[in-house]
Every structure is written in C-alpha cells, then in structure tokens.
Amino acid sequence: MGLENITALAIEIAVAKLFNFRTNNILSCVRGGIVFDYELDILILTPHGFGYEIEIKTTKSDLIADK
C-alpha cells in the first residue's frame, strides 16, 4: 500500500495496535462533552489515568483547515 492510499481507518487501526488496545481504553470519533467542546479522532485512556488525543490528517487540506 502506497502512502497516498492510506485511509483514516488504517491509521486508527495502526494507532490502536501501537497503544495496545488490550490494556488501554481507545475511543474513536469522540465528539464534545463536559471536558472539551471539539471532536477527537482518537482518545486513549491508560489504566494509570493518562489521556492521549490523536488527531488524524490524511490530506494537506485537512491540516490547513485545522489552523
């Protein structure tokens, strides 16, 4: 698979494997809530109480639109 053919779903799966979905809570497409008022592509919550936000960009226009 060339880099131009990588999808957001493929990136989400790779991130879930990287952060070990068996030991961490991994949530996809989280929208709004009490703590934040924006969309998260991936939210990873560790058993030790840490949270990681992962933002996925698949095109240059995605990146520019978030500035």
PDB file of N, CA and C in Angstrom:
ATOM      1  N   MET A   1       0.841  -1.172   0.000  1.00  0.00           N
ATOM      2  CA  MET A   1       0.000   0.000   0.000  1.00  0.00           C
ATOM      3  C   MET A   1       0.892   1.244   0.000  1.00  0.00           C
ATOM      4  N   GLY A   2       0.715   2.105  -0.974  1.00  0.00           N
ATOM      5  CA  GLY A   2       1.481   3.337  -1.039  1.00  0.00           C
ATOM      6  C   GLY A   2       0.957   4.354  -0.039  1.00  0.00           C
ATOM      7  N   LEU A   3       1.768   5.332   0.281  1.00  0.00           N
ATOM      8  CA  LEU A   3       1.353   6.340   1.248  1.00  0.00           C
ATOM      9  C   LEU A   3       0.119   7.110   0.805  1.00  0.00           C
ATOM     10  N   GLU A   4      -0.058   7.283  -0.494  1.00  0.00           N
ATOM     11  CA  GLU A   4      -1.220   8.023  -0.983  1.00  0.00           C
ATOM     12  C   GLU A   4      -2.523   7.250  -0.812  1.00  0.00           C
ATOM     13  N   ASN A   5      -2.451   5.958  -0.502  1.00  0.00           N
ATOM     14  CA  ASN A   5      -3.652   5.131  -0.365  1.00  0.00           C
ATOM     15  C   ASN A   5      -4.021   4.840   1.087  1.00  0.00           C
ATOM     16  N   ILE A   6      -3.315   5.386   2.037  1.00  0.00           N
ATOM     17  CA  ILE A   6      -3.608   5.122   3.443  1.00  0.00           C
ATOM     18  C   ILE A   6      -4.857   5.899   3.859  1.00  0.00           C
ATOM     19  N   THR A   7      -5.780   5.198   4.494  1.00  0.00           N
ATOM     20  CA  THR A   7      -7.032   5.816   4.925  1.00  0.00           C
ATOM     21  C   THR A   7      -6.972   6.149   6.418  1.00  0.00           C
ATOM     22  N   ALA A   8      -7.921   6.969   6.858  1.00  0.00           N
ATOM     23  CA  ALA A   8      -8.010   7.297   8.278  1.00  0.00           C
ATOM     24  C   ALA A   8      -8.271   6.036   9.093  1.00  0.00           C
ATOM     25  N   LEU A   9      -9.072   5.123   8.576  1.00  0.00           N
ATOM     26  CA  LEU A   9      -9.355   3.873   9.286  1.00  0.00           C
ATOM     27  C   LEU A   9      -8.083   3.051   9.469  1.00  0.00           C
ATOM     28  N   ALA A  10      -7.253   2.972   8.440  1.00  0.00           N
ATOM     29  CA  ALA A  10      -5.990   2.229   8.545  1.00  0.00           C
ATOM     30  C   ALA A  10      -5.085   2.851   9.606  1.00  0.00           C
ATOM     31  N   ILE A  11      -5.082   4.178   9.684  1.00  0.00           N
ATOM     32  CA  ILE A  11      -4.276   4.863  10.693  1.00  0.00           C
ATOM     33  C   ILE A  11      -4.838   4.583  12.083  1.00  0.00           C
ATOM     34  N   GLU A  12      -6.168   4.610  12.237  1.00  0.00           N
ATOM     35  CA  GLU A  12      -6.789   4.312  13.531  1.00  0.00           C
ATOM     36  C   GLU A  12      -6.429   2.909  14.006  1.00  0.00           C
ATOM     37  N   ILE A  13      -6.466   1.947  13.125  1.00  0.00           N
ATOM     38  CA  ILE A  13      -6.122   0.567  13.487  1.00  0.00           C
ATOM     39  C   ILE A  13      -4.657   0.477  13.900  1.00  0.00           C
ATOM     40  N   ALA A  14      -3.781   1.133  13.153  1.00  0.00           N
ATOM     41  CA  ALA A  14      -2.354   1.108  13.487  1.00  0.00           C
ATOM     42  C   ALA A  14      -2.097   1.751  14.851  1.00  0.00           C
ATOM     43  N   VAL A  15      -2.782   2.856  15.151  1.00  0.00           N
ATOM     44  CA  VAL A  15      -2.617   3.528  16.436  1.00  0.00           C
ATOM     45  C   VAL A  15      -3.134   2.642  17.569  1.00  0.00           C
ATOM     46  N   ALA A  16      -4.272   1.985  17.357  1.00  0.00           N
ATOM     47  CA  ALA A  16      -4.829   1.084  18.377  1.00  0.00           C
ATOM     48  C   ALA A  16      -3.854  -0.051  18.684  1.00  0.00           C
ATOM     49  N   LYS A  17      -3.215  -0.578  17.659  1.00  0.00           N
ATOM     50  CA  LYS A  17      -2.222  -1.636  17.871  1.00  0.00           C
ATOM     51  C   LYS A  17      -0.985  -1.085  18.582  1.00  0.00           C
ATOM     52  N   LEU A  18      -0.547   0.115  18.203  1.00  0.00           N
ATOM     53  CA  LEU A  18       0.626   0.734  18.810  1.00  0.00           C
ATOM     54  C   LEU A  18       0.425   0.978  20.308  1.00  0.00           C
ATOM     55  N   PHE A  19      -0.776   1.450  20.682  1.00  0.00           N
ATOM     56  CA  PHE A  19      -1.067   1.755  22.075  1.00  0.00           C
ATOM     57  C   PHE A  19      -1.650   0.565  22.831  1.00  0.00           C
ATOM     58  N   ASN A  20      -1.668  -0.604  22.221  1.00  0.00           N
ATOM     59  CA  ASN A  20      -2.120  -1.847  22.847  1.00  0.00           C
ATOM     60  C   ASN A  20      -3.555  -1.733  23.373  1.00  0.00           C
ATOM     61  N   PHE A  21      -4.506  -1.982  22.498  1.00  0.00           N
ATOM     62  CA  PHE A  21      -5.918  -1.858  22.837  1.00  0.00           C
ATOM     63  C   PHE A  21      -6.365  -2.851  23.910  1.00  0.00           C
ATOM     64  N   ARG A  22      -5.534  -3.814  24.261  1.00  0.00           N
ATOM     65  CA  ARG A  22      -5.891  -4.767  25.321  1.00  0.00           C
ATOM     66  C   ARG A  22      -5.663  -4.191  26.714  1.00  0.00           C
ATOM     67  N   THR A  23      -4.801  -3.190  26.829  1.00  0.00           N
ATOM     68  CA  THR A  23      -4.537  -2.609  28.151  1.00  0.00           C
ATOM     69  C   THR A  23      -5.013  -1.165  28.278  1.00  0.00           C
ATOM     70  N   ASN A  24      -5.282  -0.491  27.183  1.00  0.00           N
ATOM     71  CA  ASN A  24      -5.741   0.895  27.206  1.00  0.00           C
ATOM     72  C   ASN A  24      -7.153   0.984  26.631  1.00  0.00           C
ATOM     73  N   ASN A  25      -7.922   1.943  27.114  1.00  0.00           N
ATOM     74  CA  ASN A  25      -9.232   2.221  26.531  1.00  0.00           C
ATOM     75  C   ASN A  25      -9.021   3.157  25.351  1.00  0.00           C
ATOM     76  N   ILE A  26      -9.446   2.728  24.170  1.00  0.00           N
ATOM     77  CA  ILE A  26      -9.252   3.516  22.955  1.00  0.00           C
ATOM     78  C   ILE A  26     -10.616   3.823  22.359  1.00  0.00           C
ATOM     79  N   LEU A  27     -10.925   5.109  22.269  1.00  0.00           N
ATOM     80  CA  LEU A  27     -12.210   5.560  21.741  1.00  0.00           C
ATOM     81  C   LEU A  27     -11.972   6.296  20.436  1.00  0.00           C
ATOM     82  N   SER A  28     -12.815   6.031  19.463  1.00  0.00           N
ATOM     83  CA  SER A  28     -12.684   6.657  18.148  1.00  0.00           C
ATOM     84  C   SER A  28     -13.836   7.621  17.911  1.00  0.00           C
ATOM     85  N   CYS A  29     -13.547   8.732  17.253  1.00  0.00           N
ATOM     86  CA  CYS A  29     -14.551   9.753  16.890  1.00  0.00           C
ATOM     87  C   CYS A  29     -15.333  10.247  18.095  1.00  0.00           C
ATOM     88  N   VAL A  30     -14.630  10.778  19.070  1.00  0.00           N
ATOM     89  CA  VAL A  30     -15.263  11.319  20.275  1.00  0.00           C
ATOM     90  C   VAL A  30     -15.666  12.755  19.986  1.00  0.00           C
ATOM     91  N   ARG A  31     -16.919  13.087  20.248  1.00  0.00           N
ATOM     92  CA  ARG A  31     -17.417  14.433  19.955  1.00  0.00           C
ATOM     93  C   ARG A  31     -17.914  15.104  21.237  1.00  0.00           C
ATOM     94  N   GLY A  32     -17.343  16.257  21.520  1.00  0.00           N
ATOM     95  CA  GLY A  32     -17.812  17.097  22.603  1.00  0.00           C
ATOM     96  C   GLY A  32     -17.895  16.422  23.959  1.00  0.00           C
ATOM     97  N   GLY A  33     -18.440  17.136  24.884  1.00  0.00           N
ATOM     98  CA  GLY A  33     -18.586  16.616  26.222  1.00  0.00           C
ATOM     99  C   GLY A  33     -18.385  17.706  27.252  1.00  0.00           C
ATOM    100  N   ILE A  34     -18.213  17.294  28.475  1.00  0.00           N
ATOM    101  CA  ILE A  34     -18.054  18.248  29.566  1.00  0.00           C
ATOM    102  C   ILE A  34     -16.658  18.850  29.565  1.00  0.00           C
ATOM    103  N   VAL A  35     -15.653  18.048  29.246  1.00  0.00           N
ATOM    104  CA  VAL A  35     -14.263  18.479  29.357  1.00  0.00           C
ATOM    105  C   VAL A  35     -13.799  19.284  28.145  1.00  0.00           C
ATOM    106  N   PHE A  36     -14.298  18.978  26.971  1.00  0.00           N
ATOM    107  CA  PHE A  36     -13.859  19.665  25.755  1.00  0.00           C
ATOM    108  C   PHE A  36     -15.045  19.869  24.828  1.00  0.00           C
ATOM    109  N   ASP A  37     -14.930  20.846  23.926  1.00  0.00           N
ATOM    110  CA  ASP A  37     -16.047  21.134  23.025  1.00  0.00           C
ATOM    111  C   ASP A  37     -15.640  21.012  21.562  1.00  0.00           C
ATOM    112  N   TYR A  38     -14.844  20.018  21.257  1.00  0.00           N
ATOM    113  CA  TYR A  38     -14.406  19.764  19.895  1.00  0.00           C
ATOM    114  C   TYR A  38     -14.348  18.256  19.670  1.00  0.00           C
ATOM    115  N   GLU A  39     -14.057  17.860  18.458  1.00  0.00           N
ATOM    116  CA  GLU A  39     -14.011  16.438  18.098  1.00  0.00           C
ATOM    117  C   GLU A  39     -12.591  15.890  18.222  1.00  0.00           C
ATOM    118  N   LEU A  40     -12.488  14.687  18.770  1.00  0.00           N
ATOM    119  CA  LEU A  40     -11.216  13.970  18.835  1.00  0.00           C
ATOM    120  C   LEU A  40     -11.285  12.797  17.872  1.00  0.00           C
ATOM    121  N   ASP A  41     -10.253  12.597  17.071  1.00  0.00           N
ATOM    122  CA  ASP A  41     -10.240  11.424  16.195  1.00  0.00           C
ATOM    123  C   ASP A  41     -10.056  10.156  17.014  1.00  0.00           C
ATOM    124  N   ILE A  42      -9.107  10.173  17.932  1.00  0.00           N
ATOM    125  CA  ILE A  42      -8.886   9.029  18.817  1.00  0.00           C
ATOM    126  C   ILE A  42      -8.545   9.563  20.200  1.00  0.00           C
ATOM    127  N   LEU A  43      -9.161   8.976  21.224  1.00  0.00           N
ATOM    128  CA  LEU A  43      -8.844   9.293  22.609  1.00  0.00           C
ATOM    129  C   LEU A  43      -8.378   8.001  23.271  1.00  0.00           C
ATOM    130  N   ILE A  44      -7.190   8.031  23.847  1.00  0.00           N
ATOM    131  CA  ILE A  44      -6.619   6.863  24.507  1.00  0.00           C
ATOM    132  C   ILE A  44      -6.517   7.171  25.994  1.00  0.00           C
ATOM    133  N   LEU A  45      -7.135   6.305  26.807  1.00  0.00           N
ATOM    134  CA  LEU A  45      -7.099   6.445  28.253  1.00  0.00           C
ATOM    135  C   LEU A  45      -6.341   5.261  28.829  1.00  0.00           C
ATOM    136  N   THR A  46      -5.287   5.559  29.594  1.00  0.00           N
ATOM    137  CA  THR A  46      -4.461   4.488  30.155  1.00  0.00           C
ATOM    138  C   THR A  46      -5.001   4.073  31.523  1.00  0.00           C
ATOM    139  N   PRO A  47      -4.623   2.886  31.991  1.00  0.00           N
ATOM    140  CA  PRO A  47      -5.043   2.446  33.324  1.00  0.00           C
ATOM    141  C   PRO A  47      -4.497   3.336  34.446  1.00  0.00           C
ATOM    142  N   HIS A  48      -3.449   4.117  34.160  1.00  0.00           N
ATOM    143  CA  HIS A  48      -2.840   4.995  35.153  1.00  0.00           C
ATOM    144  C   HIS A  48      -3.449   6.394  35.158  1.00  0.00           C
ATOM    145  N   GLY A  49      -4.494   6.601  34.347  1.00  0.00           N
ATOM    146  CA  GLY A  49      -5.192   7.880  34.349  1.00  0.00           C
ATOM    147  C   GLY A  49      -4.697   8.906  33.358  1.00  0.00           C
ATOM    148  N   PHE A  50      -3.803   8.532  32.468  1.00  0.00           N
ATOM    149  CA  PHE A  50      -3.333   9.456  31.440  1.00  0.00           C
ATOM    150  C   PHE A  50      -4.250   9.385  30.226  1.00  0.00           C
ATOM    151  N   GLY A  51      -4.370  10.498  29.525  1.00  0.00           N
ATOM    152  CA  GLY A  51      -5.155  10.542  28.299  1.00  0.00           C
ATOM    153  C   GLY A  51      -4.320  11.087  27.159  1.00  0.00           C
ATOM    154  N   TYR A  52      -4.487  10.492  25.996  1.00  0.00           N
ATOM    155  CA  TYR A  52      -3.786  10.940  24.792  1.00  0.00           C
ATOM    156  C   TYR A  52      -4.809  11.247  23.719  1.00  0.00           C
ATOM    157  N   GLU A  53      -4.674  12.403  23.095  1.00  0.00           N
ATOM    158  CA  GLU A  53      -5.524  12.765  21.975  1.00  0.00           C
ATOM    159  C   GLU A  53      -4.728  12.577  20.690  1.00  0.00           C
ATOM    160  N   ILE A  54      -5.291  11.844  19.747  1.00  0.00           N
ATOM    161  CA  ILE A  54      -4.648  11.624  18.459  1.00  0.00           C
ATOM    162  C   ILE A  54      -5.509  12.290  17.386  1.00  0.00           C
ATOM    163  N   GLU A  55      -4.907  13.174  16.632  1.00  0.00           N
ATOM    164  CA  GLU A  55      -5.585  13.846  15.519  1.00  0.00           C
ATOM    165  C   GLU A  55      -5.042  13.259  14.224  1.00  0.00           C
ATOM    166  N   ILE A  56      -5.926  12.779  13.368  1.00  0.00           N
ATOM    167  CA  ILE A  56      -5.518  12.141  12.115  1.00  0.00           C
ATOM    168  C   ILE A  56      -5.752  13.100  10.956  1.00  0.00           C
ATOM    169  N   LYS A  57      -4.726  13.286  10.169  1.00  0.00           N
ATOM    170  CA  LYS A  57      -4.804  14.107   8.958  1.00  0.00           C
ATOM    171  C   LYS A  57      -4.410  13.229   7.770  1.00  0.00           C
ATOM    172  N   THR A  58      -5.255  13.181   6.762  1.00  0.00           N
ATOM    173  CA  THR A  58      -4.950  12.345   5.594  1.00  0.00           C
ATOM    174  C   THR A  58      -4.644  13.184   4.343  1.00  0.00           C
ATOM    175  N   THR A  59      -4.927  14.480   4.406  1.00  0.00           N
ATOM    176  CA  THR A  59      -4.607  15.336   3.282  1.00  0.00           C
ATOM    177  C   THR A  59      -4.012  16.650   3.776  1.00  0.00           C
ATOM    178  N   LYS A  60      -3.352  17.341   2.899  1.00  0.00           N
ATOM    179  CA  LYS A  60      -2.787  18.639   3.242  1.00  0.00           C
ATOM    180  C   LYS A  60      -3.900  19.628   3.572  1.00  0.00           C
ATOM    181  N   SER A  61      -5.040  19.547   2.871  1.00  0.00           N
ATOM    182  CA  SER A  61      -6.139  20.456   3.138  1.00  0.00           C
ATOM    183  C   SER A  61      -6.734  20.226   4.543  1.00  0.00           C
ATOM    184  N   ASP A  62      -6.727  18.970   5.021  1.00  0.00           N
ATOM    185  CA  ASP A  62      -7.143  18.676   6.403  1.00  0.00           C
ATOM    186  C   ASP A  62      -6.259  19.432   7.388  1.00  0.00           C
ATOM    187  N   LEU A  63      -4.977  19.385   7.140  1.00  0.00           N
ATOM    188  CA  LEU A  63      -4.013  20.026   8.021  1.00  0.00           C
ATOM    189  C   LEU A  63      -4.193  21.545   8.027  1.00  0.00           C
ATOM    190  N   ILE A  64      -4.358  22.126   6.868  1.00  0.00           N
ATOM    191  CA  ILE A  64      -4.509  23.582   6.755  1.00  0.00           C
ATOM    192  C   ILE A  64      -5.826  24.025   7.374  1.00  0.00           C
ATOM    193  N   ALA A  65      -6.888  23.243   7.243  1.00  0.00           N
ATOM    194  CA  ALA A  65      -8.208  23.623   7.773  1.00  0.00           C
ATOM    195  C   ALA A  65      -8.219  23.700   9.296  1.00  0.00           C
ATOM    196  N   ASP A  66      -7.323  23.010   9.965  1.00  0.00           N
ATOM    197  CA  ASP A  66      -7.284  22.998  11.433  1.00  0.00           C
ATOM    198  C   ASP A  66      -6.459  24.120  12.044  1.00  0.00           C
ATOM    199  N   LYS A  67      -5.851  24.952  11.257  1.00  0.00           N
ATOM    200  CA  LYS A  67      -5.009  26.027  11.809  1.00  0.00           C
ATOM    201  C   LYS A  67      -5.849  27.051  12.512  1.00  0.00           C
TER     202      LYS A  67
END
